PDB file of N, CA and C in Angstrom:
ATOM      1  N   MET A   1     109.657-101.426 -28.654  1.00  0.00           N
ATOM      2  CA  MET A   1     108.445-101.767 -29.058  1.00  0.00           C
ATOM      3  C   MET A   1     108.711-102.970 -30.017  1.00  0.00           C
ATOM      4  N   LYS A   2     107.771-103.974 -29.602  1.00  0.00           N
ATOM      5  CA  LYS A   2     107.695-105.260 -30.454  1.00  0.00           C
ATOM      6  C   LYS A   2     106.597-105.020 -31.634  1.00  0.00           C
ATOM      7  N   ILE A   3     107.081-104.920 -32.854  1.00  0.00           N
ATOM      8  CA  ILE A   3     105.950-104.918 -33.975  1.00  0.00           C
ATOM      9  C   ILE A   3     105.846-106.129 -34.725  1.00  0.00           C
ATOM     10  N   ALA A   4     104.662-106.826 -34.708  1.00  0.00           N
ATOM     11  CA  ALA A   4     104.296-107.849 -35.785  1.00  0.00           C
ATOM     12  C   ALA A   4     103.735-107.620 -37.038  1.00  0.00           C
ATOM     13  N   LEU A   5     104.201-108.240 -38.275  1.00  0.00           N
ATOM     14  CA  LEU A   5     103.560-107.810 -39.449  1.00  0.00           C
ATOM     15  C   LEU A   5     102.529-108.923 -39.845  1.00  0.00           C
ATOM     16  N   GLY A   6     101.308-108.533 -40.033  1.00  0.00           N
ATOM     17  CA  GLY A   6     100.214-109.517 -40.223  1.00  0.00           C
ATOM     18  C   GLY A   6     100.172-109.899 -41.783  1.00  0.00           C
ATOM     19  N   GLN A   7     100.778-110.789 -41.876  1.00  0.00           N
ATOM     20  CA  GLN A   7     100.951-111.287 -43.670  1.00  0.00           C
ATOM     21  C   GLN A   7      99.735-112.446 -43.798  1.00  0.00           C
ATOM     22  N   ILE A   8      98.550-111.678 -44.139  1.00  0.00           N
ATOM     23  CA  ILE A   8      97.411-112.504 -44.405  1.00  0.00           C
ATOM     24  C   ILE A   8      96.837-112.454 -45.884  1.00  0.00           C
ATOM     25  N   ASN A   9      96.236-113.548 -46.201  1.00  0.00           N
ATOM     26  CA  ASN A   9      95.825-113.397 -47.739  1.00  0.00           C
ATOM     27  C   ASN A   9      94.210-113.151 -47.627  1.00  0.00           C
ATOM     28  N   PRO A  10      93.809-112.150 -47.569  1.00  0.00           N
ATOM     29  CA  PRO A  10      92.490-111.678 -47.463  1.00  0.00           C
ATOM     30  C   PRO A  10      91.804-111.839 -48.856  1.00  0.00           C
ATOM     31  N   THR A  11      90.407-112.276 -48.821  1.00  0.00           N
ATOM     32  CA  THR A  11      89.490-112.476 -50.143  1.00  0.00           C
ATOM     33  C   THR A  11      88.681-111.199 -50.218  1.00  0.00           C
ATOM     34  N   ILE A  12      88.573-110.872 -51.403  1.00  0.00           N
ATOM     35  CA  ILE A  12      87.457-109.601 -51.711  1.00  0.00           C
ATOM     36  C   ILE A  12      86.297-109.845 -51.318  1.00  0.00           C
ATOM     37  N   GLY A  13      85.672-109.047 -50.557  1.00  0.00           N
ATOM     38  CA  GLY A  13      84.324-109.200 -50.147  1.00  0.00           C
ATOM     39  C   GLY A  13      83.967-110.064 -48.972  1.00  0.00           C
ATOM     40  N   ASP A  14      84.995-110.701 -48.376  1.00  0.00           N
ATOM     41  CA  ASP A  14      84.789-111.614 -47.439  1.00  0.00           C
ATOM     42  C   ASP A  14      85.028-111.172 -45.973  1.00  0.00           C
ATOM     43  N   PHE A  15      84.344-110.207 -45.625  1.00  0.00           N
ATOM     44  CA  PHE A  15      84.488-109.349 -44.379  1.00  0.00           C
ATOM     45  C   PHE A  15      84.554-110.340 -43.213  1.00  0.00           C
ATOM     46  N   GLU A  16      83.931-111.205 -42.956  1.00  0.00           N
ATOM     47  CA  GLU A  16      84.018-112.148 -41.918  1.00  0.00           C
ATOM     48  C   GLU A  16      85.212-112.935 -41.908  1.00  0.00           C
ATOM     49  N   GLY A  17      85.439-113.348 -42.994  1.00  0.00           N
ATOM     50  CA  GLY A  17      86.734-114.524 -43.225  1.00  0.00           C
ATOM     51  C   GLY A  17      88.037-113.717 -42.950  1.00  0.00           C
ATOM     52  N   ASN A  18      87.868-112.253 -43.509  1.00  0.00           N
ATOM     53  CA  ASN A  18      89.421-111.489 -43.319  1.00  0.00           C
ATOM     54  C   ASN A  18      89.322-110.979 -41.952  1.00  0.00           C
ATOM     55  N   ARG A  19      88.032-110.886 -41.317  1.00  0.00           N
ATOM     56  CA  ARG A  19      88.380-110.464 -39.775  1.00  0.00           C
ATOM     57  C   ARG A  19      88.855-111.629 -39.042  1.00  0.00           C
ATOM     58  N   ARG A  20      88.467-112.623 -39.327  1.00  0.00           N
ATOM     59  CA  ARG A  20      88.774-113.880 -38.550  1.00  0.00           C
ATOM     60  C   ARG A  20      90.335-114.121 -38.886  1.00  0.00           C
ATOM     61  N   LEU A  21      90.841-113.787 -39.898  1.00  0.00           N
ATOM     62  CA  LEU A  21      92.172-114.017 -40.506  1.00  0.00           C
ATOM     63  C   LEU A  21      93.239-112.890 -39.571  1.00  0.00           C
ATOM     64  N   VAL A  22      92.613-111.732 -39.457  1.00  0.00           N
ATOM     65  CA  VAL A  22      93.076-110.631 -38.581  1.00  0.00           C
ATOM     66  C   VAL A  22      92.907-110.842 -37.217  1.00  0.00           C
ATOM     67  N   LEU A  23      92.228-111.438 -36.631  1.00  0.00           N
ATOM     68  CA  LEU A  23      91.889-111.723 -35.223  1.00  0.00           C
ATOM     69  C   LEU A  23      92.980-112.857 -34.935  1.00  0.00           C
ATOM     70  N   GLY A  24      93.225-114.038 -35.976  1.00  0.00           N
ATOM     71  CA  GLY A  24      94.263-115.085 -35.631  1.00  0.00           C
ATOM     72  C   GLY A  24      95.347-114.488 -35.738  1.00  0.00           C
ATOM     73  N   ALA A  25      95.826-113.579 -36.714  1.00  0.00           N
ATOM     74  CA  ALA A  25      97.225-113.033 -36.543  1.00  0.00           C
ATOM     75  C   ALA A  25      97.363-112.332 -35.579  1.00  0.00           C
ATOM     76  N   THR A  26      96.597-111.586 -35.039  1.00  0.00           N
ATOM     77  CA  THR A  26      96.717-110.577 -33.834  1.00  0.00           C
ATOM     78  C   THR A  26      97.072-111.676 -32.522  1.00  0.00           C
ATOM     79  N   ALA A  27      96.313-112.693 -32.399  1.00  0.00           N
ATOM     80  CA  ALA A  27      96.371-113.678 -31.331  1.00  0.00           C
ATOM     81  C   ALA A  27      97.824-114.150 -31.227  1.00  0.00           C
ATOM     82  N   GLU A  28      98.366-114.291 -32.544  1.00  0.00           N
ATOM     83  CA  GLU A  28      99.613-114.894 -32.611  1.00  0.00           C
ATOM     84  C   GLU A  28     100.716-113.845 -32.335  1.00  0.00           C
ATOM     85  N   ALA A  29     100.367-112.842 -32.751  1.00  0.00           N
ATOM     86  CA  ALA A  29     101.180-111.496 -32.445  1.00  0.00           C
ATOM     87  C   ALA A  29     101.274-111.422 -31.006  1.00  0.00           C
ATOM     88  N   ALA A  30     100.275-111.412 -30.308  1.00  0.00           N
ATOM     89  CA  ALA A  30     100.239-111.358 -28.652  1.00  0.00           C
ATOM     90  C   ALA A  30     100.758-112.280 -27.913  1.00  0.00           C
ATOM     91  N   SER A  31     100.560-113.480 -28.525  1.00  0.00           N
ATOM     92  CA  SER A  31     101.396-114.721 -28.014  1.00  0.00           C
ATOM     93  C   SER A  31     102.941-114.486 -28.039  1.00  0.00           C
ATOM     94  N   ARG A  32     103.367-113.642 -29.155  1.00  0.00           N
ATOM     95  CA  ARG A  32     104.776-113.593 -29.111  1.00  0.00           C
ATOM     96  C   ARG A  32     105.298-112.056 -28.603  1.00  0.00           C
ATOM     97  N   ALA A  33     104.314-111.718 -28.117  1.00  0.00           N
ATOM     98  CA  ALA A  33     104.410-110.169 -27.011  1.00  0.00           C
ATOM     99  C   ALA A  33     104.749-108.973 -28.017  1.00  0.00           C
ATOM    100  N   ALA A  34     104.044-109.201 -28.909  1.00  0.00           N
ATOM    101  CA  ALA A  34     104.202-107.737 -29.837  1.00  0.00           C
ATOM    102  C   ALA A  34     103.079-106.910 -29.217  1.00  0.00           C
ATOM    103  N   GLU A  35     103.598-105.496 -29.501  1.00  0.00           N
ATOM    104  CA  GLU A  35     102.564-104.472 -29.004  1.00  0.00           C
ATOM    105  C   GLU A  35     101.899-103.804 -29.874  1.00  0.00           C
ATOM    106  N   LEU A  36     102.245-104.316 -31.074  1.00  0.00           N
ATOM    107  CA  LEU A  36     101.596-103.759 -32.256  1.00  0.00           C
ATOM    108  C   LEU A  36     101.551-104.633 -33.441  1.00  0.00           C
ATOM    109  N   ALA A  37     100.631-104.982 -34.182  1.00  0.00           N
ATOM    110  CA  ALA A  37     100.400-106.065 -35.096  1.00  0.00           C
ATOM    111  C   ALA A  37      99.796-104.860 -36.616  1.00  0.00           C
ATOM    112  N   VAL A  38     100.493-104.938 -37.608  1.00  0.00           N
ATOM    113  CA  VAL A  38     100.463-104.261 -38.760  1.00  0.00           C
ATOM    114  C   VAL A  38      99.734-104.875 -39.843  1.00  0.00           C
ATOM    115  N   PHE A  39      98.915-104.527 -40.356  1.00  0.00           N
ATOM    116  CA  PHE A  39      98.132-105.178 -41.622  1.00  0.00           C
ATOM    117  C   PHE A  39      98.160-104.452 -42.746  1.00  0.00           C
ATOM    118  N   PRO A  40      98.068-105.295 -43.814  1.00  0.00           N
ATOM    119  CA  PRO A  40      98.263-104.266 -45.034  1.00  0.00           C
ATOM    120  C   PRO A  40      97.100-103.506 -45.680  1.00  0.00           C
ATOM    121  N   GLU A  41      97.190-102.725 -46.508  1.00  0.00           N
ATOM    122  CA  GLU A  41      96.082-101.770 -47.078  1.00  0.00           C
ATOM    123  C   GLU A  41      94.930-102.726 -47.312  1.00  0.00           C
ATOM    124  N   LEU A  42      93.570-102.210 -47.113  1.00  0.00           N
ATOM    125  CA  LEU A  42      92.452-102.945 -47.407  1.00  0.00           C
ATOM    126  C   LEU A  42      92.545-104.374 -46.924  1.00  0.00           C
ATOM    127  N   ALA A  43      93.094-104.486 -45.853  1.00  0.00           N
ATOM    128  CA  ALA A  43      93.194-106.126 -45.217  1.00  0.00           C
ATOM    129  C   ALA A  43      91.612-106.621 -44.752  1.00  0.00           C
ATOM    130  N   LEU A  44      90.666-105.750 -44.464  1.00  0.00           N
ATOM    131  CA  LEU A  44      89.578-106.000 -44.285  1.00  0.00           C
ATOM    132  C   LEU A  44      88.449-106.650 -45.379  1.00  0.00           C
ATOM    133  N   SER A  45      88.515-105.604 -46.553  1.00  0.00           N
ATOM    134  CA  SER A  45      87.770-105.725 -47.621  1.00  0.00           C
ATOM    135  C   SER A  45      88.520-106.780 -48.812  1.00  0.00           C
ATOM    136  N   GLY A  46      89.538-106.855 -48.660  1.00  0.00           N
ATOM    137  CA  GLY A  46      90.338-107.656 -49.682  1.00  0.00           C
ATOM    138  C   GLY A  46      90.748-106.926 -50.623  1.00  0.00           C
ATOM    139  N   TYR A  47      91.904-107.076 -51.424  1.00  0.00           N
ATOM    140  CA  TYR A  47      92.420-106.389 -52.432  1.00  0.00           C
ATOM    141  C   TYR A  47      92.801-106.822 -53.719  1.00  0.00           C
ATOM    142  N   PRO A  48      92.219-106.407 -54.844  1.00  0.00           N
ATOM    143  CA  PRO A  48      91.802-105.075 -55.169  1.00  0.00           C
ATOM    144  C   PRO A  48      90.338-105.186 -55.357  1.00  0.00           C
ATOM    145  N   PRO A  49      89.583-104.096 -54.488  1.00  0.00           N
ATOM    146  CA  PRO A  49      88.181-104.211 -54.652  1.00  0.00           C
ATOM    147  C   PRO A  49      87.496-103.389 -55.854  1.00  0.00           C
ATOM    148  N   LYS A  50      88.367-102.723 -56.604  1.00  0.00           N
ATOM    149  CA  LYS A  50      88.201-101.741 -58.022  1.00  0.00           C
ATOM    150  C   LYS A  50      86.964-101.391 -57.537  1.00  0.00           C
ATOM    151  N   ASP A  51      85.645-101.710 -58.735  1.00  0.00           N
ATOM    152  CA  ASP A  51      84.404-100.571 -58.474  1.00  0.00           C
ATOM    153  C   ASP A  51      83.608-101.123 -57.303  1.00  0.00           C
ATOM    154  N   LEU A  52      83.926-102.079 -56.701  1.00  0.00           N
ATOM    155  CA  LEU A  52      83.136-102.202 -55.095  1.00  0.00           C
ATOM    156  C   LEU A  52      83.230-100.882 -54.308  1.00  0.00           C
ATOM    157  N   LEU A  53      84.327-100.185 -54.430  1.00  0.00           N
ATOM    158  CA  LEU A  53      84.456 -99.062 -53.647  1.00  0.00           C
ATOM    159  C   LEU A  53      83.515 -98.157 -54.187  1.00  0.00           C
ATOM    160  N   GLU A  54      82.483 -98.010 -55.025  1.00  0.00           N
ATOM    161  CA  GLU A  54      81.765 -97.393 -55.329  1.00  0.00           C
ATOM    162  C   GLU A  54      80.429 -97.631 -54.973  1.00  0.00           C
ATOM    163  N   ARG A  55      80.329 -99.060 -54.266  1.00  0.00           N
ATOM    164  CA  ARG A  55      78.970 -99.543 -53.884  1.00  0.00           C
ATOM    165  C   ARG A  55      78.675 -98.947 -52.284  1.00  0.00           C
ATOM    166  N   ASP A  56      77.677 -98.355 -52.111  1.00  0.00           N
ATOM    167  CA  ASP A  56      77.264 -98.001 -50.641  1.00  0.00           C
ATOM    168  C   ASP A  56      77.392 -99.229 -49.742  1.00  0.00           C
ATOM    169  N   GLY A  57      76.794-100.371 -50.362  1.00  0.00           N
ATOM    170  CA  GLY A  57      76.674-101.690 -49.418  1.00  0.00           C
ATOM    171  C   GLY A  57      77.883-102.101 -49.009  1.00  0.00           C
ATOM    172  N   PHE A  58      78.817-102.164 -50.037  1.00  0.00           N
ATOM    173  CA  PHE A  58      80.556-102.702 -49.825  1.00  0.00           C
ATOM    174  C   PHE A  58      80.851-101.550 -48.641  1.00  0.00           C
ATOM    175  N   LEU A  59      80.849-100.354 -48.827  1.00  0.00           N
ATOM    176  CA  LEU A  59      81.357 -99.706 -47.889  1.00  0.00           C
ATOM    177  C   LEU A  59      80.912 -99.729 -46.442  1.00  0.00           C
ATOM    178  N   ASP A  60      79.596 -99.843 -46.458  1.00  0.00           N
ATOM    179  CA  ASP A  60      78.699-100.131 -45.075  1.00  0.00           C
ATOM    180  C   ASP A  60      79.274-101.451 -44.616  1.00  0.00           C
ATOM    181  N   ALA A  61      79.369-102.533 -45.197  1.00  0.00           N
ATOM    182  CA  ALA A  61      79.932-103.630 -44.662  1.00  0.00           C
ATOM    183  C   ALA A  61      81.569-103.590 -44.360  1.00  0.00           C
ATOM    184  N   ALA A  62      82.240-102.775 -44.815  1.00  0.00           N
ATOM    185  CA  ALA A  62      83.745-102.564 -44.341  1.00  0.00           C
ATOM    186  C   ALA A  62      83.450-101.884 -42.930  1.00  0.00           C
ATOM    187  N   ALA A  63      82.740-101.027 -42.711  1.00  0.00           N
ATOM    188  CA  ALA A  63      82.659-100.120 -41.756  1.00  0.00           C
ATOM    189  C   ALA A  63      81.977-101.022 -40.447  1.00  0.00           C
ATOM    190  N   ALA A  64      81.008-101.652 -41.057  1.00  0.00           N
ATOM    191  CA  ALA A  64      80.500-102.745 -39.773  1.00  0.00           C
ATOM    192  C   ALA A  64      81.492-103.832 -39.264  1.00  0.00           C
ATOM    193  N   SER A  65      82.410-104.336 -40.277  1.00  0.00           N
ATOM    194  CA  SER A  65      83.240-105.186 -39.999  1.00  0.00           C
ATOM    195  C   SER A  65      84.363-104.479 -39.285  1.00  0.00           C
ATOM    196  N   LEU A  66      84.883-103.375 -39.464  1.00  0.00           N
ATOM    197  CA  LEU A  66      85.800-102.645 -38.717  1.00  0.00           C
ATOM    198  C   LEU A  66      85.243-102.410 -37.185  1.00  0.00           C
ATOM    199  N   ASP A  67      83.973-101.983 -36.981  1.00  0.00           N
ATOM    200  CA  ASP A  67      83.351-102.044 -35.612  1.00  0.00           C
ATOM    201  C   ASP A  67      83.426-103.586 -35.058  1.00  0.00           C
ATOM    202  N   ALA A  68      83.345-104.463 -35.468  1.00  0.00           N
ATOM    203  CA  ALA A  68      83.125-105.818 -35.185  1.00  0.00           C
ATOM    204  C   ALA A  68      84.390-106.299 -34.750  1.00  0.00           C
ATOM    205  N   LEU A  69      85.708-105.928 -35.572  1.00  0.00           N
ATOM    206  CA  LEU A  69      86.901-105.977 -35.209  1.00  0.00           C
ATOM    207  C   LEU A  69      87.367-105.280 -34.001  1.00  0.00           C
ATOM    208  N   ALA A  70      87.120-104.153 -33.891  1.00  0.00           N
ATOM    209  CA  ALA A  70      87.626-103.432 -32.630  1.00  0.00           C
ATOM    210  C   ALA A  70      86.882-103.957 -31.317  1.00  0.00           C
ATOM    211  N   ALA A  71      85.564-104.159 -31.362  1.00  0.00           N
ATOM    212  CA  ALA A  71      84.906-104.916 -30.311  1.00  0.00           C
ATOM    213  C   ALA A  71      85.480-106.296 -29.997  1.00  0.00           C
ATOM    214  N   ALA A  72      85.793-106.995 -31.160  1.00  0.00           N
ATOM    215  CA  ALA A  72      86.645-108.326 -30.674  1.00  0.00           C
ATOM    216  C   ALA A  72      87.879-108.082 -30.153  1.00  0.00           C
ATOM    217  N   LEU A  73      88.675-107.084 -30.655  1.00  0.00           N
ATOM    218  CA  LEU A  73      89.965-106.932 -29.882  1.00  0.00           C
ATOM    219  C   LEU A  73      90.064-106.129 -28.593  1.00  0.00           C
ATOM    220  N   ALA A  74      88.841-105.850 -27.969  1.00  0.00           N
ATOM    221  CA  ALA A  74      88.910-104.941 -26.753  1.00  0.00           C
ATOM    222  C   ALA A  74      89.439-105.676 -25.934  1.00  0.00           C
ATOM    223  N   GLY A  75      90.472-104.938 -25.179  1.00  0.00           N
ATOM    224  CA  GLY A  75      91.392-105.662 -24.040  1.00  0.00           C
ATOM    225  C   GLY A  75      92.560-106.317 -24.519  1.00  0.00           C
ATOM    226  N   SER A  76      92.861-106.451 -25.725  1.00  0.00           N
ATOM    227  CA  SER A  76      93.963-107.203 -26.370  1.00  0.00           C
ATOM    228  C   SER A  76      95.348-106.614 -25.710  1.00  0.00           C
ATOM    229  N   PRO A  77      96.095-107.108 -25.709  1.00  0.00           N
ATOM    230  CA  PRO A  77      97.329-106.493 -25.232  1.00  0.00           C
ATOM    231  C   PRO A  77      98.272-105.798 -26.375  1.00  0.00           C
ATOM    232  N   THR A  78      97.501-106.363 -27.846  1.00  0.00           N
ATOM    233  CA  THR A  78      98.259-105.807 -28.856  1.00  0.00           C
ATOM    234  C   THR A  78      97.383-104.734 -29.976  1.00  0.00           C
ATOM    235  N   ALA A  79      97.856-103.703 -30.009  1.00  0.00           N
ATOM    236  CA  ALA A  79      97.093-102.531 -30.727  1.00  0.00           C
ATOM    237  C   ALA A  79      97.208-103.067 -32.151  1.00  0.00           C
ATOM    238  N   VAL A  80      96.396-102.840 -32.962  1.00  0.00           N
ATOM    239  CA  VAL A  80      96.288-103.312 -34.406  1.00  0.00           C
ATOM    240  C   VAL A  80      95.879-102.040 -35.460  1.00  0.00           C
ATOM    241  N   LEU A  81      96.713-101.989 -36.256  1.00  0.00           N
ATOM    242  CA  LEU A  81      96.933-101.000 -37.408  1.00  0.00           C
ATOM    243  C   LEU A  81      96.392-101.472 -38.607  1.00  0.00           C
ATOM    244  N   ILE A  82      95.402-101.228 -39.363  1.00  0.00           N
ATOM    245  CA  ILE A  82      94.782-101.794 -40.399  1.00  0.00           C
ATOM    246  C   ILE A  82      94.062-100.967 -41.311  1.00  0.00           C
ATOM    247  N   GLY A  83      94.177-101.388 -42.643  1.00  0.00           N
ATOM    248  CA  GLY A  83      93.728-100.508 -43.666  1.00  0.00           C
ATOM    249  C   GLY A  83      92.368-101.166 -43.971  1.00  0.00           C
ATOM    250  N   PHE A  84      91.332 -99.938 -44.397  1.00  0.00           N
ATOM    251  CA  PHE A  84      90.102-100.413 -44.830  1.00  0.00           C
ATOM    252  C   PHE A  84      89.394 -99.284 -45.734  1.00  0.00           C
ATOM    253  N   PRO A  85      88.527 -99.627 -46.356  1.00  0.00           N
ATOM    254  CA  PRO A  85      87.897 -98.403 -47.382  1.00  0.00           C
ATOM    255  C   PRO A  85      86.961 -97.815 -46.511  1.00  0.00           C
ATOM    256  N   GLU A  86      86.943 -96.256 -46.745  1.00  0.00           N
ATOM    257  CA  GLU A  86      86.082 -95.526 -45.940  1.00  0.00           C
ATOM    258  C   GLU A  86      85.477 -94.241 -46.909  1.00  0.00           C
ATOM    259  N   ARG A  87      84.416 -93.938 -46.694  1.00  0.00           N
ATOM    260  CA  ARG A  87      83.745 -93.185 -47.441  1.00  0.00           C
ATOM    261  C   ARG A  87      84.453 -91.654 -47.199  1.00  0.00           C
ATOM    262  N   ARG A  88      84.389 -90.773 -48.280  1.00  0.00           N
ATOM    263  CA  ARG A  88      85.275 -89.589 -48.186  1.00  0.00           C
ATOM    264  C   ARG A  88      84.192 -88.510 -47.515  1.00  0.00           C
TER     265      ARG A  88
END
């Protein structure tokens, strides 16, 4: 199995921009025949989010961004493993 490491520089709270970074890195991984692209912890939300993790709006945006990412990656030849904040 060929695995790609998605080394991106996400911005805290920039869900759309971070999603674009992930999509771009995933496309690059796919072009190199990687079957799996692995991204860092909290890649969708940016790191470190600190007290933003206590805000419902931030967690809602993270969930919506994950859903949008999953939709955008539908049919991709490369699976993605990504960290994001989730409610307990």
